Amino acid sequence: MGQCEDKTCMPSSADHNSPPEGRNVGVIRELGELPSGTIITEKALGRVFDRHLVSIKRAIERGELPPSIRLFGEPVWTVKALQEHFNKRMEEAQKEVDRMKEKINKLGA
């Protein structure tokens, strides 16, 4: 897991650059391991997802990430806000799959 610097939790550079033996590439554990009230900075989120800050900003514009709030002039989120956003998007995706299945069933009947 990461270390806390400047009172915000961030994965350490060792976590970010060299995943431990057996760690699945593409599996993001850090958010799930942090308490829900943890404040995470834009820079830390970029490290968690291994993305440039511009990519984080674009993901917000596309709705893939929720809008941030500003704290001391910096964009931040709570882990809970990120998790709730991801869960909502997953529910919406499942509803879309269910609607598509229903349409296919009606066409086949």
Protein backbone atom coordinates (compact mmCIF):
# COMPACT_ATOMS: atom_id res chain seq x y z
CA MET A 1 0.00 0.00 0.00
CA GLY A 2 1.03 3.62 -0.31
CA GLN A 3 2.32 6.19 2.08
CA CYS A 4 0.80 9.46 3.27
CA GLU A 5 2.56 12.64 2.22
CA ASP A 6 1.34 16.18 2.82
CA LYS A 7 -1.68 14.70 4.67
CA THR A 8 -3.06 13.05 1.53
CA CYS A 9 -2.67 9.35 0.90
CA MET A 10 -0.75 8.43 -2.22
CA PRO A 11 0.71 5.19 -3.45
CA SER A 12 4.46 5.18 -3.01
CA SER A 13 6.65 5.28 -6.09
CA ALA A 14 7.65 1.66 -5.43
CA ASP A 15 3.95 0.63 -5.56
CA HIS A 16 3.44 2.65 -8.72
CA ASN A 17 6.49 1.69 -10.75
CA SER A 18 7.05 -1.96 -9.92
CA PRO A 19 4.04 -4.10 -9.05
CA PRO A 20 4.80 -6.96 -6.65
CA GLU A 21 5.22 -10.47 -8.00
CA GLY A 22 1.84 -11.96 -8.85
CA ARG A 23 -0.03 -8.64 -8.87
CA ASN A 24 -2.51 -8.46 -11.69
CA VAL A 25 -1.73 -5.65 -14.09
CA GLY A 26 -4.78 -3.41 -14.43
CA VAL A 27 -6.17 -4.25 -10.98
CA ILE A 28 -6.60 -1.11 -8.91
CA ARG A 29 -6.52 -2.12 -5.24
CA GLU A 30 -5.39 1.17 -3.73
CA LEU A 31 -8.83 2.81 -3.74
CA GLY A 32 -10.42 -0.24 -2.15
CA GLU A 33 -7.80 -0.38 0.57
CA LEU A 34 -8.13 3.26 1.64
CA PRO A 35 -10.79 4.37 4.15
CA SER A 36 -13.82 5.91 2.43
CA GLY A 37 -13.17 9.34 3.93
CA THR A 38 -9.63 9.52 2.61
CA ILE A 39 -9.00 12.62 0.53
CA ILE A 40 -7.15 11.86 -2.67
CA THR A 41 -5.50 14.51 -4.81
CA GLU A 42 -5.55 14.72 -8.58
CA LYS A 43 -1.86 13.80 -8.65
CA ALA A 44 -2.47 10.75 -6.44
CA LEU A 45 -5.39 9.66 -8.61
CA GLY A 46 -3.14 9.90 -11.65
CA ARG A 47 -0.64 7.65 -9.90
CA VAL A 48 -3.31 5.15 -8.85
CA PHE A 49 -4.54 4.82 -12.44
CA ASP A 50 -1.09 5.28 -13.96
CA ARG A 51 -2.34 8.21 -16.04
CA HIS A 52 -1.12 11.74 -16.77
CA LEU A 53 -3.01 14.61 -15.12
CA VAL A 54 -4.39 15.65 -18.52
CA SER A 55 -5.94 12.19 -18.85
CA ILE A 56 -7.56 12.58 -15.42
CA LYS A 57 -9.05 15.93 -16.48
CA ARG A 58 -10.35 14.41 -19.74
CA ALA A 59 -11.89 11.48 -17.84
CA ILE A 60 -13.81 14.01 -15.75
CA GLU A 61 -15.04 15.78 -18.91
CA ARG A 62 -16.23 12.41 -20.31
CA GLY A 63 -18.00 11.56 -17.05
CA GLU A 64 -15.69 8.63 -16.34
CA LEU A 65 -14.63 10.33 -13.11
CA PRO A 66 -16.82 12.55 -10.94
CA PRO A 67 -16.16 16.27 -10.70
CA SER A 68 -13.62 17.17 -8.04
CA ILE A 69 -13.89 19.77 -5.33
CA ARG A 70 -11.16 22.26 -4.55
CA LEU A 71 -9.25 22.11 -1.31
CA PHE A 72 -6.49 24.67 -0.83
CA GLY A 73 -6.71 25.37 -4.54
CA GLU A 74 -6.16 21.73 -5.55
CA PRO A 75 -8.69 19.33 -7.07
CA VAL A 76 -9.52 16.50 -4.65
CA TRP A 77 -12.04 13.69 -4.12
CA THR A 78 -12.88 11.37 -1.29
CA VAL A 79 -12.46 7.67 -1.93
CA LYS A 80 -16.19 7.29 -1.18
CA ALA A 81 -17.14 9.82 -3.89
CA LEU A 82 -15.04 7.93 -6.45
CA GLN A 83 -16.45 4.54 -5.43
CA GLU A 84 -20.05 5.82 -5.52
CA HIS A 85 -19.46 7.25 -8.99
CA PHE A 86 -18.02 3.96 -10.25
CA ASN A 87 -20.90 1.98 -8.71
CA LYS A 88 -23.47 4.29 -10.31
CA ARG A 89 -21.81 3.89 -13.71
CA MET A 90 -21.79 0.09 -13.29
CA GLU A 91 -25.51 0.11 -12.43
CA GLU A 92 -26.24 2.26 -15.50
CA ALA A 93 -24.23 -0.09 -17.70
CA GLN A 94 -26.15 -3.10 -16.35
CA LYS A 95 -29.47 -1.37 -17.03
CA GLU A 96 -28.36 -0.72 -20.61
CA VAL A 97 -27.44 -4.41 -21.03
CA ASP A 98 -30.84 -5.41 -19.63
CA ARG A 99 -32.63 -3.03 -22.04
CA MET A 100 -30.68 -4.43 -24.98
CA LYS A 101 -31.51 -8.03 -23.98
CA GLU A 102 -35.18 -7.08 -23.74
CA LYS A 103 -35.12 -5.56 -27.23
CA ILE A 104 -33.40 -8.64 -28.64
CA ASN A 105 -35.96 -10.92 -26.99
CA LYS A 106 -38.87 -8.88 -28.43
CA LEU A 107 -37.36 -9.04 -31.91
CA GLY A 108 -36.86 -12.79 -31.64
CA ALA A 109 -40.40 -13.47 -30.39
